[in-house]
Amino acid sequence: MADDIEIDTADLERRMEGAIASLRTEFASLRTGRASASILEPVMVDAYGQMTPINQVGTVNVPEPRMVTINVWDKGLVNKVEKAIRNSGLGINPQMNGTIIMLPIPELNEERRRDLTKVASQYAENARVAVRNVRRDGMDQIKKGKNDGMSEDDQKFWETEVQDLTNRFIARVDDSLETKQAEIMQV
């Protein structure tokens, strides 16, 4: 290995880890037929003149496997929260009960499950692209090191290291996708 020229694989790994974390967040927002508080994460409410996440205007609970409830703290925001959920495209019909909004999670039909697996595949492909972009940055660092006097052996060593790191993270993306698709297709 080069005495003075090294590639920062820890930084590359940290950035690839970020792509995996982003993928997990996107997967959590996909509805699988089971109730989950995370399906409401992308929904924003116009509260007090600014767009606010639902979990900052009320308590989100999952009392049953197919039900999510939101206990809105400010009575004046109940209708705004309901409207935000209706307009979110989640396909959930909110039911009002005072300051509590109940969200019954309907059973997914076969066509909707297939659509969700396609969306999950797209999320996974975006994560793969992000990992590959980090790989490209690493390879660019190696090329720069070669121009700065890195030996050919060191260059091969670092290229192998970066490629192994990339392969490991691509495999994690694929495993996550496989798990999520099985979860979506489970009846």
C-alpha atoms as a PDB file:
ATOM      1  CA  MET A   1       0.000   0.000   0.000  1.00  0.00           C
ATOM      2  CA  ALA A   2       1.057   3.577  -0.558  1.00  0.00           C
ATOM      3  CA  ASP A   3       2.817   5.181   2.362  1.00  0.00           C
ATOM      4  CA  ASP A   4       1.334   8.606   1.749  1.00  0.00           C
ATOM      5  CA  ILE A   5      -1.615   8.031  -0.616  1.00  0.00           C
ATOM      6  CA  GLU A   6      -4.703   6.346   0.840  1.00  0.00           C
ATOM      7  CA  ILE A   7      -8.313   6.220  -0.208  1.00  0.00           C
ATOM      8  CA  ASP A   8     -10.819   7.120   2.516  1.00  0.00           C
ATOM      9  CA  THR A   9     -12.922   3.952   2.429  1.00  0.00           C
ATOM     10  CA  ALA A  10     -14.564   4.900   5.750  1.00  0.00           C
ATOM     11  CA  ASP A  11     -16.050   7.976   4.060  1.00  0.00           C
ATOM     12  CA  LEU A  12     -17.205   5.901   1.082  1.00  0.00           C
ATOM     13  CA  GLU A  13     -18.771   3.358   3.439  1.00  0.00           C
ATOM     14  CA  ARG A  14     -20.518   6.112   5.420  1.00  0.00           C
ATOM     15  CA  ARG A  15     -21.998   7.555   2.223  1.00  0.00           C
ATOM     16  CA  MET A  16     -23.155   4.114   1.035  1.00  0.00           C
ATOM     17  CA  GLU A  17     -24.698   3.554   4.466  1.00  0.00           C
ATOM     18  CA  GLY A  18     -26.651   6.790   3.881  1.00  0.00           C
ATOM     19  CA  ALA A  19     -28.108   5.318   0.687  1.00  0.00           C
ATOM     20  CA  ILE A  20     -29.250   2.243   2.650  1.00  0.00           C
ATOM     21  CA  ALA A  21     -30.799   4.435   5.374  1.00  0.00           C
ATOM     22  CA  SER A  22     -32.655   6.440   2.745  1.00  0.00           C
ATOM     23  CA  LEU A  23     -33.932   3.204   1.186  1.00  0.00           C
ATOM     24  CA  ARG A  24     -35.220   2.000   4.568  1.00  0.00           C
ATOM     25  CA  THR A  25     -37.102   5.279   5.046  1.00  0.00           C
ATOM     26  CA  GLU A  26     -38.679   4.987   1.598  1.00  0.00           C
ATOM     27  CA  PHE A  27     -39.622   1.354   2.235  1.00  0.00           C
ATOM     28  CA  ALA A  28     -41.212   2.291   5.569  1.00  0.00           C
ATOM     29  CA  SER A  29     -43.568   4.681   3.779  1.00  0.00           C
ATOM     30  CA  LEU A  30     -44.896   1.884   1.534  1.00  0.00           C
ATOM     31  CA  ARG A  31     -48.199   0.534   2.765  1.00  0.00           C
ATOM     32  CA  THR A  32     -48.178  -3.232   3.136  1.00  0.00           C
ATOM     33  CA  GLY A  33     -51.708  -3.835   4.395  1.00  0.00           C
ATOM     34  CA  ARG A  34     -50.521  -3.712   7.998  1.00  0.00           C
ATOM     35  CA  ALA A  35     -50.911  -0.567  10.057  1.00  0.00           C
ATOM     36  CA  SER A  36     -47.736   1.405  10.668  1.00  0.00           C
ATOM     37  CA  ALA A  37     -47.250   4.915  11.998  1.00  0.00           C
ATOM     38  CA  SER A  38     -44.511   5.433   9.395  1.00  0.00           C
ATOM     39  CA  ILE A  39     -47.042   5.576   6.533  1.00  0.00           C
ATOM     40  CA  LEU A  40     -47.932   9.077   7.756  1.00  0.00           C
ATOM     41  CA  GLU A  41     -44.331  10.392   7.721  1.00  0.00           C
ATOM     42  CA  PRO A  42     -44.564  12.014   4.271  1.00  0.00           C
ATOM     43  CA  VAL A  43     -47.911  13.713   5.074  1.00  0.00           C
ATOM     44  CA  MET A  44     -47.618  17.394   5.968  1.00  0.00           C
ATOM     45  CA  VAL A  45     -50.341  19.540   7.581  1.00  0.00           C
ATOM     46  CA  ASP A  46     -50.800  23.295   7.130  1.00  0.00           C
ATOM     47  CA  ALA A  47     -50.599  24.178  10.823  1.00  0.00           C
ATOM     48  CA  TYR A  48     -50.036  27.669  12.199  1.00  0.00           C
ATOM     49  CA  GLY A  49     -49.015  29.010   8.789  1.00  0.00           C
ATOM     50  CA  GLN A  50     -46.402  26.403   7.925  1.00  0.00           C
ATOM     51  CA  MET A  51     -46.252  22.821   6.706  1.00  0.00           C
ATOM     52  CA  THR A  52     -45.783  20.516   9.684  1.00  0.00           C
ATOM     53  CA  PRO A  53     -45.438  16.712   9.960  1.00  0.00           C
ATOM     54  CA  ILE A  54     -48.489  14.988  11.435  1.00  0.00           C
ATOM     55  CA  ASN A  55     -46.499  13.626  14.385  1.00  0.00           C
ATOM     56  CA  GLN A  56     -45.905  17.250  15.489  1.00  0.00           C
ATOM     57  CA  VAL A  57     -49.618  18.128  15.716  1.00  0.00           C
ATOM     58  CA  GLY A  58     -50.861  14.951  17.373  1.00  0.00           C
ATOM     59  CA  THR A  59     -50.050  11.546  18.801  1.00  0.00           C
ATOM     60  CA  VAL A  60     -49.920   8.734  16.232  1.00  0.00           C
ATOM     61  CA  ASN A  61     -50.791   5.264  17.563  1.00  0.00           C
ATOM     62  CA  VAL A  62     -51.346   1.787  16.116  1.00  0.00           C
ATOM     63  CA  PRO A  63     -53.936   0.233  18.466  1.00  0.00           C
ATOM     64  CA  GLU A  64     -54.798  -2.662  16.108  1.00  0.00           C
ATOM     65  CA  PRO A  65     -52.992  -4.411  13.250  1.00  0.00           C
ATOM     66  CA  ARG A  66     -55.235  -2.662  10.681  1.00  0.00           C
ATOM     67  CA  MET A  67     -55.873   0.702  12.370  1.00  0.00           C
ATOM     68  CA  VAL A  68     -53.843   3.889  12.882  1.00  0.00           C
ATOM     69  CA  THR A  69     -55.175   6.650  15.138  1.00  0.00           C
ATOM     70  CA  ILE A  70     -54.110  10.261  15.451  1.00  0.00           C
ATOM     71  CA  ASN A  71     -55.036  12.165  18.595  1.00  0.00           C
ATOM     72  CA  VAL A  72     -54.810  15.788  17.406  1.00  0.00           C
ATOM     73  CA  TRP A  73     -53.753  18.090  20.232  1.00  0.00           C
ATOM     74  CA  ASP A  74     -55.346  21.287  18.868  1.00  0.00           C
ATOM     75  CA  LYS A  75     -59.069  20.946  18.127  1.00  0.00           C
ATOM     76  CA  GLY A  76     -58.775  23.623  15.425  1.00  0.00           C
ATOM     77  CA  LEU A  77     -56.373  21.463  13.384  1.00  0.00           C
ATOM     78  CA  VAL A  78     -58.508  18.304  13.221  1.00  0.00           C
ATOM     79  CA  ASN A  79     -60.102  19.209   9.871  1.00  0.00           C
ATOM     80  CA  LYS A  80     -56.733  20.273   8.408  1.00  0.00           C
ATOM     81  CA  VAL A  81     -55.163  16.949   9.431  1.00  0.00           C
ATOM     82  CA  GLU A  82     -58.082  15.033   7.918  1.00  0.00           C
ATOM     83  CA  LYS A  83     -57.805  17.041   4.678  1.00  0.00           C
ATOM     84  CA  ALA A  84     -54.033  16.470   4.497  1.00  0.00           C
ATOM     85  CA  ILE A  85     -54.541  12.691   4.834  1.00  0.00           C
ATOM     86  CA  ARG A  86     -57.290  12.657   2.189  1.00  0.00           C
ATOM     87  CA  ASN A  87     -55.086  14.640  -0.239  1.00  0.00           C
ATOM     88  CA  SER A  88     -51.931  12.601   0.469  1.00  0.00           C
ATOM     89  CA  GLY A  89     -52.685   9.832  -2.009  1.00  0.00           C
ATOM     90  CA  LEU A  90     -52.330   7.111   0.632  1.00  0.00           C
ATOM     91  CA  GLY A  91     -55.711   5.666  -0.309  1.00  0.00           C
ATOM     92  CA  ILE A  92     -56.933   5.807   3.282  1.00  0.00           C
ATOM     93  CA  ASN A  93     -60.332   7.201   4.282  1.00  0.00           C
ATOM     94  CA  PRO A  94     -60.053   9.007   7.670  1.00  0.00           C
ATOM     95  CA  GLN A  95     -62.900   8.684  10.181  1.00  0.00           C
ATOM     96  CA  MET A  96     -63.449  11.453  12.734  1.00  0.00           C
ATOM     97  CA  ASN A  97     -64.259  10.924  16.401  1.00  0.00           C
ATOM     98  CA  GLY A  98     -63.831  14.271  18.183  1.00  0.00           C
ATOM     99  CA  THR A  99     -60.119  15.080  18.190  1.00  0.00           C
ATOM    100  CA  ILE A 100     -59.234  11.498  17.277  1.00  0.00           C
ATOM    101  CA  ILE A 101     -58.856  10.588  13.623  1.00  0.00           C
ATOM    102  CA  MET A 102     -59.052   6.867  12.870  1.00  0.00           C
ATOM    103  CA  LEU A 103     -57.430   5.460   9.747  1.00  0.00           C
ATOM    104  CA  PRO A 104     -58.641   1.942   8.934  1.00  0.00           C
ATOM    105  CA  ILE A 105     -56.047   0.280   6.697  1.00  0.00           C
ATOM    106  CA  PRO A 106     -57.904  -1.539   3.909  1.00  0.00           C
ATOM    107  CA  GLU A 107     -56.842  -4.941   2.648  1.00  0.00           C
ATOM    108  CA  LEU A 108     -54.602  -4.621  -0.404  1.00  0.00           C
ATOM    109  CA  ASN A 109     -55.839  -6.211  -3.609  1.00  0.00           C
ATOM    110  CA  GLU A 110     -53.529  -8.183  -5.905  1.00  0.00           C
ATOM    111  CA  GLU A 111     -53.151  -5.353  -8.433  1.00  0.00           C
ATOM    112  CA  ARG A 112     -52.218  -2.820  -5.741  1.00  0.00           C
ATOM    113  CA  ARG A 113     -49.669  -5.260  -4.277  1.00  0.00           C
ATOM    114  CA  ARG A 114     -48.011  -5.611  -7.698  1.00  0.00           C
ATOM    115  CA  ASP A 115     -47.919  -1.824  -8.080  1.00  0.00           C
ATOM    116  CA  LEU A 116     -46.289  -1.484  -4.660  1.00  0.00           C
ATOM    117  CA  THR A 117     -43.620  -4.070  -5.529  1.00  0.00           C
ATOM    118  CA  LYS A 118     -42.811  -2.010  -8.640  1.00  0.00           C
ATOM    119  CA  VAL A 119     -42.498   1.116  -6.499  1.00  0.00           C
ATOM    120  CA  ALA A 120     -40.247  -0.794  -4.085  1.00  0.00           C
ATOM    121  CA  SER A 121     -38.096  -1.918  -7.028  1.00  0.00           C
ATOM    122  CA  GLN A 122     -37.756   1.685  -8.165  1.00  0.00           C
ATOM    123  CA  TYR A 123     -36.686   2.770  -4.662  1.00  0.00           C
ATOM    124  CA  ALA A 124     -34.099  -0.036  -4.637  1.00  0.00           C
ATOM    125  CA  GLU A 125     -32.781   0.983  -8.062  1.00  0.00           C
ATOM    126  CA  ASN A 126     -32.372   4.570  -6.822  1.00  0.00           C
ATOM    127  CA  ALA A 127     -30.367   3.240  -3.860  1.00  0.00           C
ATOM    128  CA  ARG A 128     -28.183   1.145  -6.199  1.00  0.00           C
ATOM    129  CA  VAL A 129     -27.512   4.232  -8.317  1.00  0.00           C
ATOM    130  CA  ALA A 130     -26.537   6.187  -5.198  1.00  0.00           C
ATOM    131  CA  VAL A 131     -24.134   3.405  -4.144  1.00  0.00           C
ATOM    132  CA  ARG A 132     -22.632   3.295  -7.635  1.00  0.00           C
ATOM    133  CA  ASN A 133     -22.155   7.071  -7.591  1.00  0.00           C
ATOM    134  CA  VAL A 134     -20.167   6.727  -4.361  1.00  0.00           C
ATOM    135  CA  ARG A 135     -18.133   3.958  -6.044  1.00  0.00           C
ATOM    136  CA  ARG A 136     -17.407   6.279  -8.969  1.00  0.00           C
ATOM    137  CA  ASP A 137     -16.177   8.945  -6.530  1.00  0.00           C
ATOM    138  CA  GLY A 138     -13.878   6.353  -4.952  1.00  0.00           C
ATOM    139  CA  MET A 139     -12.517   5.313  -8.351  1.00  0.00           C
ATOM    140  CA  ASP A 140     -11.940   8.994  -9.182  1.00  0.00           C
ATOM    141  CA  GLN A 141      -9.908   9.306  -5.966  1.00  0.00           C
ATOM    142  CA  ILE A 142      -7.835   6.310  -7.082  1.00  0.00           C
ATOM    143  CA  LYS A 143      -7.207   7.880 -10.509  1.00  0.00           C
ATOM    144  CA  LYS A 144      -6.137  11.097  -8.793  1.00  0.00           C
ATOM    145  CA  GLY A 145      -3.832   9.043  -6.562  1.00  0.00           C
ATOM    146  CA  LYS A 146      -2.336   7.380  -9.622  1.00  0.00           C
ATOM    147  CA  ASN A 147      -1.597  10.821 -11.066  1.00  0.00           C
ATOM    148  CA  ASP A 148      -0.035  11.790  -7.722  1.00  0.00           C
ATOM    149  CA  GLY A 149       2.349   8.831  -7.858  1.00  0.00           C
ATOM    150  CA  MET A 150       0.390   5.873  -6.476  1.00  0.00           C
ATOM    151  CA  SER A 151       1.978   2.571  -7.475  1.00  0.00           C
ATOM    152  CA  GLU A 152       0.094   0.210  -9.781  1.00  0.00           C
ATOM    153  CA  ASP A 153      -0.138  -2.430  -7.027  1.00  0.00           C
ATOM    154  CA  ASP A 154      -1.674   0.093  -4.649  1.00  0.00           C
ATOM    155  CA  GLN A 155      -4.054   1.221  -7.349  1.00  0.00           C
ATOM    156  CA  LYS A 156      -5.238  -2.369  -7.919  1.00  0.00           C
ATOM    157  CA  PHE A 157      -5.552  -2.904  -4.149  1.00  0.00           C
ATOM    158  CA  TRP A 158      -7.766   0.178  -3.681  1.00  0.00           C
ATOM    159  CA  GLU A 159      -9.860  -0.595  -6.759  1.00  0.00           C
ATOM    160  CA  THR A 160     -10.533  -4.051  -5.320  1.00  0.00           C
ATOM    161  CA  GLU A 161     -11.388  -2.556  -1.903  1.00  0.00           C
ATOM    162  CA  VAL A 162     -13.844  -0.049  -3.386  1.00  0.00           C
ATOM    163  CA  GLN A 163     -15.440  -2.686  -5.617  1.00  0.00           C
ATOM    164  CA  ASP A 164     -15.830  -5.116  -2.688  1.00  0.00           C
ATOM    165  CA  LEU A 165     -17.460  -2.363  -0.629  1.00  0.00           C
ATOM    166  CA  THR A 166     -19.817  -1.586  -3.520  1.00  0.00           C
ATOM    167  CA  ASN A 167     -20.730  -5.254  -4.005  1.00  0.00           C
ATOM    168  CA  ARG A 168     -21.499  -5.596  -0.278  1.00  0.00           C
ATOM    169  CA  PHE A 169     -23.860  -2.611  -0.305  1.00  0.00           C
ATOM    170  CA  ILE A 170     -25.578  -3.606  -3.565  1.00  0.00           C
ATOM    171  CA  ALA A 171     -26.224  -7.033  -1.989  1.00  0.00           C
ATOM    172  CA  ARG A 172     -27.764  -5.310   1.059  1.00  0.00           C
ATOM    173  CA  VAL A 173     -30.049  -3.275  -1.229  1.00  0.00           C
ATOM    174  CA  ASP A 174     -31.103  -6.456  -3.042  1.00  0.00           C
ATOM    175  CA  ASP A 175     -31.770  -8.271   0.262  1.00  0.00           C
ATOM    176  CA  SER A 176     -33.840  -5.338   1.551  1.00  0.00           C
ATOM    177  CA  LEU A 177     -35.855  -5.285  -1.675  1.00  0.00           C
ATOM    178  CA  GLU A 178     -36.496  -9.023  -1.537  1.00  0.00           C
ATOM    179  CA  THR A 179     -37.691  -8.761   2.088  1.00  0.00           C
ATOM    180  CA  LYS A 180     -39.950  -5.788   1.328  1.00  0.00           C
ATOM    181  CA  GLN A 181     -41.482  -7.432  -1.741  1.00  0.00           C
ATOM    182  CA  ALA A 182     -42.226 -10.587   0.265  1.00  0.00           C
ATOM    183  CA  GLU A 183     -43.839  -8.415   2.959  1.00  0.00           C
ATOM    184  CA  ILE A 184     -45.986  -6.611   0.361  1.00  0.00           C
ATOM    185  CA  MET A 185     -47.112  -9.806  -1.373  1.00  0.00           C
ATOM    186  CA  GLN A 186     -47.966 -11.571   1.911  1.00  0.00           C
ATOM    187  CA  VAL A 187     -51.749 -11.909   2.221  1.00  0.00           C
END
